[in-house]
Structures are given as C-alpha cells and as structure tokens.
PDB file of N, CA and C in Angstrom:
ATOM      1  N   UNK A   1      -2.983  -4.177  -2.221  1.00  0.00           N
ATOM      2  CA  UNK A   1      -1.279  -3.519  -2.287  1.00  0.00           C
ATOM      3  C   UNK A   1      -1.340  -3.655  -0.606  1.00  0.00           C
ATOM      4  N   UNK A   2       0.035  -4.362  -0.174  1.00  0.00           N
ATOM      5  CA  UNK A   2       0.846  -4.381   0.805  1.00  0.00           C
ATOM      6  C   UNK A   2       1.910  -3.271   0.930  1.00  0.00           C
ATOM      7  N   UNK A   3       1.406  -2.627   2.084  1.00  0.00           N
ATOM      8  CA  UNK A   3       1.928  -1.488   2.743  1.00  0.00           C
ATOM      9  C   UNK A   3       3.018  -2.152   4.620  1.00  0.00           C
ATOM     10  N   UNK A   4       4.193  -1.696   4.203  1.00  0.00           N
ATOM     11  CA  UNK A   4       5.068  -2.411   5.064  1.00  0.00           C
ATOM     12  C   UNK A   4       5.530  -0.689   5.759  1.00  0.00           C
ATOM     13  N   UNK A   5       5.751  -0.285   6.777  1.00  0.00           N
ATOM     14  CA  UNK A   5       6.821   0.649   7.506  1.00  0.00           C
ATOM     15  C   UNK A   5       7.761   0.684   8.430  1.00  0.00           C
ATOM     16  N   UNK A   6       8.384   1.076   8.884  1.00  0.00           N
ATOM     17  CA  UNK A   6       9.741   0.284   9.449  1.00  0.00           C
ATOM     18  C   UNK A   6      10.202   1.854   9.945  1.00  0.00           C
ATOM     19  N   UNK A   7      10.496   1.879  10.812  1.00  0.00           N
ATOM     20  CA  UNK A   7      11.364   3.255  12.001  1.00  0.00           C
ATOM     21  C   UNK A   7      12.735   3.254  11.161  1.00  0.00           C
ATOM     22  N   UNK A   8      13.315   4.185  11.951  1.00  0.00           N
ATOM     23  CA  UNK A   8      14.779   4.431  10.953  1.00  0.00           C
ATOM     24  C   UNK A   8      15.746   3.161  11.789  1.00  0.00           C
ATOM     25  N   UNK A   9      15.547   2.205  12.664  1.00  0.00           N
ATOM     26  CA  UNK A   9      15.814   1.507  12.979  1.00  0.00           C
ATOM     27  C   UNK A   9      15.532   0.173  12.618  1.00  0.00           C
ATOM     28  N   UNK A  10      14.737   0.306  12.059  1.00  0.00           N
ATOM     29  CA  UNK A  10      14.114  -0.746  11.034  1.00  0.00           C
ATOM     30  C   UNK A  10      13.016  -1.779  11.897  1.00  0.00           C
ATOM     31  N   UNK A  11      12.345  -0.991  12.904  1.00  0.00           N
ATOM     32  CA  UNK A  11      10.961  -2.288  13.453  1.00  0.00           C
ATOM     33  C   UNK A  11      10.173  -1.232  13.152  1.00  0.00           C
ATOM     34  N   UNK A  12       8.981  -2.588  12.788  1.00  0.00           N
ATOM     35  CA  UNK A  12       7.633  -1.756  12.197  1.00  0.00           C
ATOM     36  C   UNK A  12       6.802  -0.963  13.234  1.00  0.00           C
ATOM     37  N   UNK A  13       6.467  -0.374  12.110  1.00  0.00           N
ATOM     38  CA  UNK A  13       5.296   0.859  13.139  1.00  0.00           C
ATOM     39  C   UNK A  13       4.255   1.098  13.138  1.00  0.00           C
ATOM     40  N   UNK A  14       3.700   0.017  13.944  1.00  0.00           N
ATOM     41  CA  UNK A  14       1.895   0.887  13.955  1.00  0.00           C
ATOM     42  C   UNK A  14       1.314   1.602  14.084  1.00  0.00           C
ATOM     43  N   UNK A  15       0.170   1.280  13.362  1.00  0.00           N
ATOM     44  CA  UNK A  15      -0.605   2.943  13.912  1.00  0.00           C
ATOM     45  C   UNK A  15      -0.335   4.035  12.744  1.00  0.00           C
ATOM     46  N   UNK A  16       0.531   3.617  11.999  1.00  0.00           N
ATOM     47  CA  UNK A  16       0.628   4.859  11.025  1.00  0.00           C
ATOM     48  C   UNK A  16      -0.242   4.702   9.626  1.00  0.00           C
ATOM     49  N   UNK A  17      -0.704   6.275   9.430  1.00  0.00           N
ATOM     50  CA  UNK A  17      -2.158   6.482   8.744  1.00  0.00           C
ATOM     51  C   UNK A  17      -1.159   6.175   7.495  1.00  0.00           C
ATOM     52  N   UNK A  18      -2.383   5.866   6.116  1.00  0.00           N
ATOM     53  CA  UNK A  18      -1.614   5.443   5.317  1.00  0.00           C
ATOM     54  C   UNK A  18      -2.842   6.169   4.360  1.00  0.00           C
ATOM     55  N   UNK A  19      -2.356   7.333   3.305  1.00  0.00           N
ATOM     56  CA  UNK A  19      -3.817   7.861   3.098  1.00  0.00           C
ATOM     57  C   UNK A  19      -3.666   7.815   0.998  1.00  0.00           C
ATOM     58  N   UNK A  20      -4.588   7.085   0.674  1.00  0.00           N
ATOM     59  CA  UNK A  20      -4.782   7.216  -0.713  1.00  0.00           C
ATOM     60  C   UNK A  20      -6.138   7.776  -1.233  1.00  0.00           C
ATOM     61  N   UNK A  21      -5.720   7.739  -2.442  1.00  0.00           N
ATOM     62  CA  UNK A  21      -6.895   9.189  -3.081  1.00  0.00           C
ATOM     63  C   UNK A  21      -6.575   8.185  -4.552  1.00  0.00           C
ATOM     64  N   UNK A  22      -7.837   8.594  -4.987  1.00  0.00           N
ATOM     65  CA  UNK A  22      -8.597   7.911  -6.694  1.00  0.00           C
ATOM     66  C   UNK A  22      -9.243   8.617  -6.841  1.00  0.00           C
ATOM     67  N   UNK A  23      -9.433   9.031  -8.328  1.00  0.00           N
ATOM     68  CA  UNK A  23     -10.943   9.669  -8.949  1.00  0.00           C
ATOM     69  C   UNK A  23     -11.581  10.110  -7.964  1.00  0.00           C
ATOM     70  N   UNK A  24     -11.216  11.543  -7.025  1.00  0.00           N
ATOM     71  CA  UNK A  24     -11.324  12.265  -5.836  1.00  0.00           C
ATOM     72  C   UNK A  24     -12.245  11.455  -4.773  1.00  0.00           C
ATOM     73  N   UNK A  25     -11.847  10.218  -4.331  1.00  0.00           N
ATOM     74  CA  UNK A  25     -11.770  10.432  -3.618  1.00  0.00           C
ATOM     75  C   UNK A  25     -10.319  10.343  -2.700  1.00  0.00           C
ATOM     76  N   UNK A  26     -10.807   9.851  -1.130  1.00  0.00           N
ATOM     77  CA  UNK A  26      -9.802   9.652  -0.419  1.00  0.00           C
ATOM     78  C   UNK A  26      -9.817   8.199   0.983  1.00  0.00           C
ATOM     79  N   UNK A  27      -9.356   7.765   0.908  1.00  0.00           N
ATOM     80  CA  UNK A  27      -9.174   6.822   2.040  1.00  0.00           C
ATOM     81  C   UNK A  27      -8.070   6.756   2.847  1.00  0.00           C
ATOM     82  N   UNK A  28      -8.339   6.603   3.978  1.00  0.00           N
ATOM     83  CA  UNK A  28      -7.271   5.813   5.028  1.00  0.00           C
ATOM     84  C   UNK A  28      -7.450   4.723   5.832  1.00  0.00           C
ATOM     85  N   UNK A  29      -6.573   4.782   6.095  1.00  0.00           N
ATOM     86  CA  UNK A  29      -6.555   3.248   6.973  1.00  0.00           C
ATOM     87  C   UNK A  29      -4.662   3.061   7.855  1.00  0.00           C
ATOM     88  N   UNK A  30      -4.564   2.299   8.275  1.00  0.00           N
ATOM     89  CA  UNK A  30      -3.439   2.169   9.389  1.00  0.00           C
ATOM     90  C   UNK A  30      -2.762   1.341   9.218  1.00  0.00           C
ATOM     91  N   UNK A  31      -1.940   1.053   9.640  1.00  0.00           N
ATOM     92  CA  UNK A  31      -0.814   0.158   9.935  1.00  0.00           C
ATOM     93  C   UNK A  31      -1.278  -0.423  10.951  1.00  0.00           C
ATOM     94  N   UNK A  32      -0.410  -2.424  11.878  1.00  0.00           N
ATOM     95  CA  UNK A  32      -0.390  -2.632  12.883  1.00  0.00           C
ATOM     96  C   UNK A  32      -2.163  -3.096  12.463  1.00  0.00           C
ATOM     97  N   UNK A  33      -3.288  -3.452  11.978  1.00  0.00           N
ATOM     98  CA  UNK A  33      -4.492  -3.702  12.305  1.00  0.00           C
ATOM     99  C   UNK A  33      -4.246  -5.457  12.117  1.00  0.00           C
ATOM    100  N   UNK A  34      -3.510  -5.897  11.321  1.00  0.00           N
ATOM    101  CA  UNK A  34      -3.019  -7.450  10.614  1.00  0.00           C
ATOM    102  C   UNK A  34      -1.663  -7.651  11.548  1.00  0.00           C
ATOM    103  N   UNK A  35      -1.554  -7.679  12.692  1.00  0.00           N
ATOM    104  CA  UNK A  35      -0.242  -7.710  13.745  1.00  0.00           C
ATOM    105  C   UNK A  35       0.022  -9.137  13.116  1.00  0.00           C
ATOM    106  N   UNK A  36      -0.670 -10.711  13.047  1.00  0.00           N
ATOM    107  CA  UNK A  36      -0.448 -11.696  13.007  1.00  0.00           C
ATOM    108  C   UNK A  36       0.510 -11.535  11.051  1.00  0.00           C
ATOM    109  N   UNK A  37       0.418 -10.410  10.778  1.00  0.00           N
ATOM    110  CA  UNK A  37       1.451 -10.075   9.579  1.00  0.00           C
ATOM    111  C   UNK A  37       2.101  -9.306   9.786  1.00  0.00           C
ATOM    112  N   UNK A  38       2.308  -8.602  10.588  1.00  0.00           N
ATOM    113  CA  UNK A  38       3.472  -7.210  10.627  1.00  0.00           C
ATOM    114  C   UNK A  38       3.335  -6.452  11.761  1.00  0.00           C
ATOM    115  N   UNK A  39       3.797  -5.821  12.643  1.00  0.00           N
ATOM    116  CA  UNK A  39       2.957  -4.421  13.513  1.00  0.00           C
ATOM    117  C   UNK A  39       3.174  -3.596  12.044  1.00  0.00           C
ATOM    118  N   UNK A  40       3.932  -2.876  10.902  1.00  0.00           N
ATOM    119  CA  UNK A  40       3.946  -2.235  10.465  1.00  0.00           C
ATOM    120  C   UNK A  40       3.520  -2.973   9.156  1.00  0.00           C
ATOM    121  N   UNK A  41       2.203  -3.394   9.585  1.00  0.00           N
ATOM    122  CA  UNK A  41       1.830  -3.947   7.963  1.00  0.00           C
ATOM    123  C   UNK A  41       0.576  -3.500   7.604  1.00  0.00           C
ATOM    124  N   UNK A  42       0.017  -2.861   6.174  1.00  0.00           N
ATOM    125  CA  UNK A  42      -2.080  -2.883   6.031  1.00  0.00           C
ATOM    126  C   UNK A  42      -1.495  -2.716   5.169  1.00  0.00           C
ATOM    127  N   UNK A  43      -2.661  -3.275   4.256  1.00  0.00           N
ATOM    128  CA  UNK A  43      -3.127  -3.540   2.632  1.00  0.00           C
ATOM    129  C   UNK A  43      -4.450  -2.890   2.414  1.00  0.00           C
ATOM    130  N   UNK A  44      -4.751  -3.094   1.103  1.00  0.00           N
ATOM    131  CA  UNK A  44      -5.596  -2.601   0.894  1.00  0.00           C
ATOM    132  C   UNK A  44      -5.815  -3.003  -1.042  1.00  0.00           C
ATOM    133  N   UNK A  45      -6.885  -3.196  -0.957  1.00  0.00           N
ATOM    134  CA  UNK A  45      -7.841  -4.167  -2.171  1.00  0.00           C
ATOM    135  C   UNK A  45      -7.467  -3.304  -3.705  1.00  0.00           C
ATOM    136  N   UNK A  46      -6.745  -3.390  -4.383  1.00  0.00           N
ATOM    137  CA  UNK A  46      -6.949  -2.607  -5.691  1.00  0.00           C
ATOM    138  C   UNK A  46      -8.048  -2.664  -6.233  1.00  0.00           C
ATOM    139  N   UNK A  47      -8.620  -1.833  -7.111  1.00  0.00           N
ATOM    140  CA  UNK A  47      -9.537  -2.807  -8.536  1.00  0.00           C
ATOM    141  C   UNK A  47      -8.976  -2.342  -9.602  1.00  0.00           C
ATOM    142  N   UNK A  48      -9.171  -3.038 -11.008  1.00  0.00           N
ATOM    143  CA  UNK A  48      -8.510  -2.496 -12.028  1.00  0.00           C
ATOM    144  C   UNK A  48      -9.174  -1.831 -12.882  1.00  0.00           C
ATOM    145  N   UNK A  49      -8.036  -1.209 -13.327  1.00  0.00           N
ATOM    146  CA  UNK A  49      -8.237   0.419 -14.467  1.00  0.00           C
ATOM    147  C   UNK A  49      -8.243   1.132 -13.499  1.00  0.00           C
ATOM    148  N   UNK A  50      -7.912   1.700 -11.953  1.00  0.00           N
ATOM    149  CA  UNK A  50      -8.112   2.682 -11.380  1.00  0.00           C
ATOM    150  C   UNK A  50      -6.886   3.443 -10.820  1.00  0.00           C
ATOM    151  N   UNK A  51      -6.278   4.366 -11.367  1.00  0.00           N
ATOM    152  CA  UNK A  51      -5.324   4.554 -10.649  1.00  0.00           C
ATOM    153  C   UNK A  51      -4.901   5.801  -9.434  1.00  0.00           C
ATOM    154  N   UNK A  52      -4.101   5.479  -9.155  1.00  0.00           N
ATOM    155  CA  UNK A  52      -4.043   5.736  -7.218  1.00  0.00           C
ATOM    156  C   UNK A  52      -3.021   6.179  -7.015  1.00  0.00           C
ATOM    157  N   UNK A  53      -2.823   6.941  -6.363  1.00  0.00           N
ATOM    158  CA  UNK A  53      -1.934   7.727  -5.121  1.00  0.00           C
ATOM    159  C   UNK A  53      -1.831   7.523  -3.948  1.00  0.00           C
ATOM    160  N   UNK A  54      -0.785   7.000  -3.047  1.00  0.00           N
ATOM    161  CA  UNK A  54      -0.483   6.861  -1.624  1.00  0.00           C
ATOM    162  C   UNK A  54       0.746   7.708  -1.206  1.00  0.00           C
ATOM    163  N   UNK A  55       0.178   8.237   0.074  1.00  0.00           N
ATOM    164  CA  UNK A  55       0.910   8.802   0.934  1.00  0.00           C
ATOM    165  C   UNK A  55       0.811   7.956   2.048  1.00  0.00           C
ATOM    166  N   UNK A  56       2.285   8.636   2.941  1.00  0.00           N
ATOM    167  CA  UNK A  56       1.989   7.382   4.533  1.00  0.00           C
ATOM    168  C   UNK A  56       2.642   8.411   5.321  1.00  0.00           C
ATOM    169  N   UNK A  57       2.410   8.729   6.558  1.00  0.00           N
ATOM    170  CA  UNK A  57       1.551   9.427   7.420  1.00  0.00           C
ATOM    171  C   UNK A  57       1.166  10.801   6.941  1.00  0.00           C
ATOM    172  N   UNK A  58       1.094  11.753   7.726  1.00  0.00           N
ATOM    173  CA  UNK A  58      -0.280  13.055   6.867  1.00  0.00           C
ATOM    174  C   UNK A  58       0.718  14.224   6.464  1.00  0.00           C
ATOM    175  N   UNK A  59       2.103  13.750   6.361  1.00  0.00           N
ATOM    176  CA  UNK A  59       3.149  15.058   6.172  1.00  0.00           C
ATOM    177  C   UNK A  59       3.747  14.143   4.752  1.00  0.00           C
ATOM    178  N   UNK A  60       3.833  12.858   4.583  1.00  0.00           N
ATOM    179  CA  UNK A  60       4.353  11.979   3.602  1.00  0.00           C
ATOM    180  C   UNK A  60       4.171  12.815   2.159  1.00  0.00           C
ATOM    181  N   UNK A  61       5.115  12.433   1.459  1.00  0.00           N
ATOM    182  CA  UNK A  61       5.489  12.640   0.531  1.00  0.00           C
ATOM    183  C   UNK A  61       4.246  11.711  -0.823  1.00  0.00           C
ATOM    184  N   UNK A  62       3.398  12.251  -1.322  1.00  0.00           N
ATOM    185  CA  UNK A  62       2.258  11.274  -2.475  1.00  0.00           C
ATOM    186  C   UNK A  62       3.524  10.044  -3.131  1.00  0.00           C
ATOM    187  N   UNK A  63       2.705   8.951  -3.566  1.00  0.00           N
ATOM    188  CA  UNK A  63       3.269   8.387  -4.215  1.00  0.00           C
ATOM    189  C   UNK A  63       2.473   7.805  -5.901  1.00  0.00           C
ATOM    190  N   UNK A  64       3.005   8.406  -6.491  1.00  0.00           N
ATOM    191  CA  UNK A  64       1.681   8.700  -7.293  1.00  0.00           C
ATOM    192  C   UNK A  64       1.445   7.546  -9.201  1.00  0.00           C
ATOM    193  N   UNK A  65       0.866   7.957  -9.313  1.00  0.00           N
ATOM    194  CA  UNK A  65      -0.127   6.593 -10.203  1.00  0.00           C
ATOM    195  C   UNK A  65       0.459   5.337  -9.943  1.00  0.00           C
ATOM    196  N   UNK A  66       0.027   4.696  -9.269  1.00  0.00           N
ATOM    197  CA  UNK A  66       0.148   3.594  -8.143  1.00  0.00           C
ATOM    198  C   UNK A  66      -0.869   2.070  -8.884  1.00  0.00           C
ATOM    199  N   UNK A  67      -0.916   1.566  -9.954  1.00  0.00           N
ATOM    200  CA  UNK A  67      -2.592   0.663 -10.761  1.00  0.00           C
ATOM    201  C   UNK A  67      -1.920  -0.716 -10.587  1.00  0.00           C
ATOM    202  N   UNK A  68      -2.877  -2.004 -10.408  1.00  0.00           N
ATOM    203  CA  UNK A  68      -2.418  -2.779 -10.643  1.00  0.00           C
ATOM    204  C   UNK A  68      -2.535  -3.454 -11.702  1.00  0.00           C
ATOM    205  N   UNK A  69      -1.580  -4.364 -11.868  1.00  0.00           N
ATOM    206  CA  UNK A  69      -1.050  -4.637 -13.362  1.00  0.00           C
ATOM    207  C   UNK A  69      -1.608  -6.162 -13.724  1.00  0.00           C
ATOM    208  N   UNK A  70      -1.914  -6.329 -15.129  1.00  0.00           N
ATOM    209  CA  UNK A  70      -2.245  -7.803 -15.514  1.00  0.00           C
ATOM    210  C   UNK A  70      -0.969  -8.327 -15.496  1.00  0.00           C
ATOM    211  N   UNK A  71      -1.576 -10.083 -15.093  1.00  0.00           N
ATOM    212  CA  UNK A  71       0.105 -10.480 -15.536  1.00  0.00           C
ATOM    213  C   UNK A  71      -0.821 -11.996 -15.863  1.00  0.00           C
ATOM    214  N   UNK A  72       0.176 -12.962 -16.357  1.00  0.00           N
ATOM    215  CA  UNK A  72       0.143 -13.736 -17.347  1.00  0.00           C
ATOM    216  C   UNK A  72       0.319 -15.003 -16.423  1.00  0.00           C
ATOM    217  N   UNK A  73      -0.606 -16.188 -16.204  1.00  0.00           N
ATOM    218  CA  UNK A  73      -0.191 -16.880 -15.839  1.00  0.00           C
ATOM    219  C   UNK A  73       0.376 -18.379 -16.680  1.00  0.00           C
ATOM    220  N   UNK A  74       0.952 -19.712 -16.954  1.00  0.00           N
ATOM    221  CA  UNK A  74       0.979 -20.651 -16.906  1.00  0.00           C
ATOM    222  C   UNK A  74      -0.010 -21.293 -18.933  1.00  0.00           C
ATOM    223  N   UNK A  75      -1.104 -21.058 -18.223  1.00  0.00           N
ATOM    224  CA  UNK A  75      -1.395 -21.055 -18.832  1.00  0.00           C
ATOM    225  C   UNK A  75      -2.351 -20.193 -20.135  1.00  0.00           C
ATOM    226  N   UNK A  76      -1.480 -19.067 -19.923  1.00  0.00           N
ATOM    227  CA  UNK A  76      -2.208 -17.733 -20.900  1.00  0.00           C
ATOM    228  C   UNK A  76      -2.860 -17.029 -20.036  1.00  0.00           C
ATOM    229  N   UNK A  77      -3.781 -17.635 -19.358  1.00  0.00           N
ATOM    230  CA  UNK A  77      -4.657 -16.539 -18.438  1.00  0.00           C
ATOM    231  C   UNK A  77      -4.129 -15.187 -18.278  1.00  0.00           C
ATOM    232  N   UNK A  78      -5.056 -14.228 -18.006  1.00  0.00           N
ATOM    233  CA  UNK A  78      -3.692 -13.298 -16.738  1.00  0.00           C
ATOM    234  C   UNK A  78      -5.087 -13.343 -15.762  1.00  0.00           C
ATOM    235  N   UNK A  79      -4.026 -12.419 -14.848  1.00  0.00           N
ATOM    236  CA  UNK A  79      -5.326 -12.541 -13.588  1.00  0.00           C
ATOM    237  C   UNK A  79      -4.789 -10.842 -12.971  1.00  0.00           C
ATOM    238  N   UNK A  80      -4.926  -9.932 -11.694  1.00  0.00           N
ATOM    239  CA  UNK A  80      -4.602  -8.794 -11.311  1.00  0.00           C
ATOM    240  C   UNK A  80      -3.596  -9.203 -10.382  1.00  0.00           C
ATOM    241  N   UNK A  81      -2.538  -8.663 -10.602  1.00  0.00           N
ATOM    242  CA  UNK A  81      -1.506  -8.677  -9.580  1.00  0.00           C
ATOM    243  C   UNK A  81      -1.594  -7.611  -8.659  1.00  0.00           C
ATOM    244  N   UNK A  82      -0.283  -6.978  -7.613  1.00  0.00           N
ATOM    245  CA  UNK A  82      -0.646  -6.543  -6.688  1.00  0.00           C
ATOM    246  C   UNK A  82       0.759  -6.172  -6.707  1.00  0.00           C
ATOM    247  N   UNK A  83       0.833  -4.812  -5.919  1.00  0.00           N
ATOM    248  CA  UNK A  83       2.037  -4.002  -5.436  1.00  0.00           C
ATOM    249  C   UNK A  83       2.775  -4.330  -3.707  1.00  0.00           C
ATOM    250  N   UNK A  84       3.548  -4.181  -3.835  1.00  0.00           N
ATOM    251  CA  UNK A  84       4.238  -3.991  -2.128  1.00  0.00           C
ATOM    252  C   UNK A  84       5.123  -3.276  -2.279  1.00  0.00           C
ATOM    253  N   UNK A  85       4.808  -1.900  -0.813  1.00  0.00           N
ATOM    254  CA  UNK A  85       5.328  -0.865  -0.493  1.00  0.00           C
ATOM    255  C   UNK A  85       6.224  -0.759   0.052  1.00  0.00           C
ATOM    256  N   UNK A  86       7.577  -0.871   1.179  1.00  0.00           N
ATOM    257  CA  UNK A  86       7.952  -0.405   1.792  1.00  0.00           C
ATOM    258  C   UNK A  86       8.630   0.674   2.122  1.00  0.00           C
ATOM    259  N   UNK A  87       8.388   1.057   3.132  1.00  0.00           N
ATOM    260  CA  UNK A  87       8.438   2.502   3.800  1.00  0.00           C
ATOM    261  C   UNK A  87       9.703   2.735   4.973  1.00  0.00           C
ATOM    262  N   UNK A  88      10.485   3.479   5.146  1.00  0.00           N
ATOM    263  CA  UNK A  88      11.907   3.679   6.006  1.00  0.00           C
ATOM    264  C   UNK A  88      11.973   5.115   6.748  1.00  0.00           C
ATOM    265  N   UNK A  89      11.812   5.439   7.660  1.00  0.00           N
ATOM    266  CA  UNK A  89      11.970   6.326   8.408  1.00  0.00           C
ATOM    267  C   UNK A  89      13.751   6.783   8.344  1.00  0.00           C
ATOM    268  N   UNK A  90      13.867   7.600   8.272  1.00  0.00           N
ATOM    269  CA  UNK A  90      15.699   8.129   7.792  1.00  0.00           C
ATOM    270  C   UNK A  90      15.689   8.811   8.826  1.00  0.00           C
TER     271      UNK A  90
END
C-alpha cells in the first residue's frame, strides 16, 4: 500500500502518522521516511487475505475494508496487487 499526504496547497507533508489496524492489531508509521519517493510518501506491505482500516493523523476518519487484490498477468497467473491512497488537507 502506498500513501501520499499533501497539505491544502498540494505540498507533501512529512511526519504525518498513518495508523493501520487489522485483526485486532494496530501499527503506526510516518510519511517522509523515504524522501527519494517524496516527503509526503509512506508505504506498508499488505498481507493476502487480511482486511485493513487506515487513518491519517490521530483524528483522521478511518478508511475501512482495504485489501490487497489478486491481479492476473498475461500468462494467466495471479499476483498480489497493491493500493495507492492520496490524501489532501482541505
């Protein structure tokens, strides 16, 4: 899962906490830890068959029911896809 967070002027925001919950667990990670990908960027490795809820910032509204989808390749095989979520302050 890739997450990008912008302020109201569309500037990337480093240091924003991302809170992800799944199966009774909770993890916190932050934007800006990979500046070569952007100061507002964060990523998380999803597991197949797990449903996640994600919140940006301590008071953000949760985005529920996030899952990694299976995607077919040109040979008929499947691989685990990902999600890219972009958030912007109003």
